């Protein structure tokens, strides 16, 4: 089994064990930024609004890169997030790039993020 299979397994277990699924796990992990809403604001402020809007809308989710995640969010925050998600610090931006669009999409079926 590869490192990435192990990493995916760790994150998958965390998601399945969280009562709110992927969106709930991400929302809890993002509490320092004010939940998913706060992270969406940070990404918008970093010039990534068109991508974020695609996650909120009904169409296809546009991708985000790990480098864009690193640029938009502070290293200190990424370290904290890695600890909350139980993943290696050097992989947290990759994980966010892979899972954040779906988490925001799932948390916003009507175009706005549900907070409860």
C-alpha atoms as a PDB file:
ATOM      1  CA  UNK A   1       0.000   0.000   0.000  1.00  0.00           C
ATOM      2  CA  UNK A   2       1.396   3.401  -0.967  1.00  0.00           C
ATOM      3  CA  UNK A   3       1.787   6.477   1.203  1.00  0.00           C
ATOM      4  CA  UNK A   4      -1.116   8.139  -0.619  1.00  0.00           C
ATOM      5  CA  UNK A   5      -3.345   5.110  -0.093  1.00  0.00           C
ATOM      6  CA  UNK A   6      -2.581   5.305   3.635  1.00  0.00           C
ATOM      7  CA  UNK A   7      -3.220   9.048   3.646  1.00  0.00           C
ATOM      8  CA  UNK A   8      -6.502   8.600   1.801  1.00  0.00           C
ATOM      9  CA  UNK A   9      -7.488   5.909   4.263  1.00  0.00           C
ATOM     10  CA  UNK A  10      -6.791   8.161   7.246  1.00  0.00           C
ATOM     11  CA  UNK A  11      -8.836  10.995   5.792  1.00  0.00           C
ATOM     12  CA  UNK A  12     -11.598   8.646   4.661  1.00  0.00           C
ATOM     13  CA  UNK A  13     -11.885   7.235   8.174  1.00  0.00           C
ATOM     14  CA  UNK A  14     -12.043  10.737   9.658  1.00  0.00           C
ATOM     15  CA  UNK A  15     -14.776  11.692   7.176  1.00  0.00           C
ATOM     16  CA  UNK A  16     -16.843   8.563   7.802  1.00  0.00           C
ATOM     17  CA  UNK A  17     -16.552   8.979  11.580  1.00  0.00           C
ATOM     18  CA  UNK A  18     -17.734  12.597  11.507  1.00  0.00           C
ATOM     19  CA  UNK A  19     -21.528  12.975  11.823  1.00  0.00           C
ATOM     20  CA  UNK A  20     -21.501  15.815   9.276  1.00  0.00           C
ATOM     21  CA  UNK A  21     -19.493  13.880   6.681  1.00  0.00           C
ATOM     22  CA  UNK A  22     -16.913  15.698   4.578  1.00  0.00           C
ATOM     23  CA  UNK A  23     -18.567  19.106   4.912  1.00  0.00           C
ATOM     24  CA  UNK A  24     -18.883  18.778   8.677  1.00  0.00           C
ATOM     25  CA  UNK A  25     -15.301  17.613   9.100  1.00  0.00           C
ATOM     26  CA  UNK A  26     -13.972  20.492   7.016  1.00  0.00           C
ATOM     27  CA  UNK A  27     -16.217  23.002   8.775  1.00  0.00           C
ATOM     28  CA  UNK A  28     -14.985  21.870  12.186  1.00  0.00           C
ATOM     29  CA  UNK A  29     -11.380  21.900  11.006  1.00  0.00           C
ATOM     30  CA  UNK A  30     -11.809  25.412   9.614  1.00  0.00           C
ATOM     31  CA  UNK A  31     -13.185  26.836  12.862  1.00  0.00           C
ATOM     32  CA  UNK A  32     -10.131  29.115  13.235  1.00  0.00           C
ATOM     33  CA  UNK A  33     -11.177  30.910  10.046  1.00  0.00           C
ATOM     34  CA  UNK A  34     -14.874  30.984  10.901  1.00  0.00           C
ATOM     35  CA  UNK A  35     -15.799  27.647   9.333  1.00  0.00           C
ATOM     36  CA  UNK A  36     -16.134  27.066   5.616  1.00  0.00           C
ATOM     37  CA  UNK A  37     -17.527  30.603   5.203  1.00  0.00           C
ATOM     38  CA  UNK A  38     -14.289  32.020   6.570  1.00  0.00           C
ATOM     39  CA  UNK A  39     -12.127  29.897   4.283  1.00  0.00           C
ATOM     40  CA  UNK A  40     -14.275  30.877   1.291  1.00  0.00           C
ATOM     41  CA  UNK A  41     -13.706  34.526   2.228  1.00  0.00           C
ATOM     42  CA  UNK A  42      -9.931  33.954   2.499  1.00  0.00           C
ATOM     43  CA  UNK A  43      -9.861  32.288  -0.915  1.00  0.00           C
ATOM     44  CA  UNK A  44     -11.975  35.076  -2.433  1.00  0.00           C
ATOM     45  CA  UNK A  45      -9.632  37.670  -0.926  1.00  0.00           C
ATOM     46  CA  UNK A  46      -6.705  35.817  -2.533  1.00  0.00           C
ATOM     47  CA  UNK A  47      -8.265  36.266  -5.985  1.00  0.00           C
ATOM     48  CA  UNK A  48      -9.774  32.790  -6.278  1.00  0.00           C
ATOM     49  CA  UNK A  49     -13.407  33.917  -6.348  1.00  0.00           C
ATOM     50  CA  UNK A  50     -14.285  32.386  -9.717  1.00  0.00           C
ATOM     51  CA  UNK A  51     -13.233  28.946  -8.501  1.00  0.00           C
ATOM     52  CA  UNK A  52     -14.989  29.321  -5.175  1.00  0.00           C
ATOM     53  CA  UNK A  53     -18.160  30.491  -6.927  1.00  0.00           C
ATOM     54  CA  UNK A  54     -18.117  27.326  -9.045  1.00  0.00           C
ATOM     55  CA  UNK A  55     -18.206  25.262  -5.847  1.00  0.00           C
ATOM     56  CA  UNK A  56     -21.187  27.244  -4.585  1.00  0.00           C
ATOM     57  CA  UNK A  57     -23.104  27.012  -7.856  1.00  0.00           C
ATOM     58  CA  UNK A  58     -24.829  24.096  -9.515  1.00  0.00           C
ATOM     59  CA  UNK A  59     -22.289  23.551 -12.288  1.00  0.00           C
ATOM     60  CA  UNK A  60     -19.011  21.700 -12.347  1.00  0.00           C
ATOM     61  CA  UNK A  61     -16.552  22.473  -9.540  1.00  0.00           C
ATOM     62  CA  UNK A  62     -13.410  24.159 -10.829  1.00  0.00           C
ATOM     63  CA  UNK A  63     -10.188  22.774  -9.332  1.00  0.00           C
ATOM     64  CA  UNK A  64      -7.796  24.574  -7.026  1.00  0.00           C
ATOM     65  CA  UNK A  65      -4.098  23.753  -6.772  1.00  0.00           C
ATOM     66  CA  UNK A  66      -2.083  23.035  -3.633  1.00  0.00           C
ATOM     67  CA  UNK A  67       0.071  26.091  -4.417  1.00  0.00           C
ATOM     68  CA  UNK A  68      -3.040  28.295  -4.527  1.00  0.00           C
ATOM     69  CA  UNK A  69      -4.097  26.886  -1.150  1.00  0.00           C
ATOM     70  CA  UNK A  70      -0.649  27.632   0.291  1.00  0.00           C
ATOM     71  CA  UNK A  71      -0.753  31.186  -1.074  1.00  0.00           C
ATOM     72  CA  UNK A  72      -4.228  31.909   0.278  1.00  0.00           C
ATOM     73  CA  UNK A  73      -3.845  30.347   3.739  1.00  0.00           C
ATOM     74  CA  UNK A  74      -1.003  30.956   6.160  1.00  0.00           C
ATOM     75  CA  UNK A  75       1.557  28.253   6.890  1.00  0.00           C
ATOM     76  CA  UNK A  76       0.656  28.490  10.582  1.00  0.00           C
ATOM     77  CA  UNK A  77      -2.961  27.751   9.759  1.00  0.00           C
ATOM     78  CA  UNK A  78      -2.049  24.848   7.465  1.00  0.00           C
ATOM     79  CA  UNK A  79       0.030  23.292  10.265  1.00  0.00           C
ATOM     80  CA  UNK A  80      -2.907  23.624  12.672  1.00  0.00           C
ATOM     81  CA  UNK A  81      -5.302  22.188  10.107  1.00  0.00           C
ATOM     82  CA  UNK A  82      -3.039  19.201   9.463  1.00  0.00           C
ATOM     83  CA  UNK A  83      -3.089  18.434  13.190  1.00  0.00           C
ATOM     84  CA  UNK A  84      -6.898  18.665  13.317  1.00  0.00           C
ATOM     85  CA  UNK A  85      -7.317  16.410  10.287  1.00  0.00           C
ATOM     86  CA  UNK A  86      -4.637  13.993  11.470  1.00  0.00           C
ATOM     87  CA  UNK A  87      -2.609  14.226   8.267  1.00  0.00           C
ATOM     88  CA  UNK A  88       1.043  15.094   7.573  1.00  0.00           C
ATOM     89  CA  UNK A  89       1.701  18.834   7.452  1.00  0.00           C
ATOM     90  CA  UNK A  90       3.424  18.629   4.087  1.00  0.00           C
ATOM     91  CA  UNK A  91       0.304  17.031   2.551  1.00  0.00           C
ATOM     92  CA  UNK A  92      -2.476  19.239   3.917  1.00  0.00           C
ATOM     93  CA  UNK A  93      -2.536  21.637   0.923  1.00  0.00           C
ATOM     94  CA  UNK A  94      -2.769  18.655  -1.447  1.00  0.00           C
ATOM     95  CA  UNK A  95      -5.647  17.224   0.571  1.00  0.00           C
ATOM     96  CA  UNK A  96      -7.460  20.551   0.611  1.00  0.00           C
ATOM     97  CA  UNK A  97      -7.010  20.957  -3.130  1.00  0.00           C
ATOM     98  CA  UNK A  98      -8.555  17.536  -3.623  1.00  0.00           C
ATOM     99  CA  UNK A  99     -11.410  17.744  -1.099  1.00  0.00           C
ATOM    100  CA  UNK A 100     -12.271  21.409  -0.467  1.00  0.00           C
ATOM    101  CA  UNK A 101     -14.308  21.941  -3.662  1.00  0.00           C
ATOM    102  CA  UNK A 102     -16.555  18.974  -2.799  1.00  0.00           C
ATOM    103  CA  UNK A 103     -16.851  20.009   0.861  1.00  0.00           C
ATOM    104  CA  UNK A 104     -17.986  23.523  -0.070  1.00  0.00           C
ATOM    105  CA  UNK A 105     -20.297  22.108  -2.755  1.00  0.00           C
ATOM    106  CA  UNK A 106     -21.914  19.673  -0.292  1.00  0.00           C
ATOM    107  CA  UNK A 107     -22.308  22.381   2.344  1.00  0.00           C
ATOM    108  CA  UNK A 108     -23.988  24.787  -0.100  1.00  0.00           C
ATOM    109  CA  UNK A 109     -26.748  23.025  -2.055  1.00  0.00           C
ATOM    110  CA  UNK A 110     -28.635  26.295  -2.501  1.00  0.00           C
ATOM    111  CA  UNK A 111     -25.569  28.443  -3.230  1.00  0.00           C
ATOM    112  CA  UNK A 112     -24.881  29.522   0.347  1.00  0.00           C
ATOM    113  CA  UNK A 113     -22.983  27.584   2.979  1.00  0.00           C
ATOM    114  CA  UNK A 114     -25.165  26.054   5.663  1.00  0.00           C
ATOM    115  CA  UNK A 115     -23.739  26.767   9.092  1.00  0.00           C
ATOM    116  CA  UNK A 116     -25.745  24.204  11.032  1.00  0.00           C
END
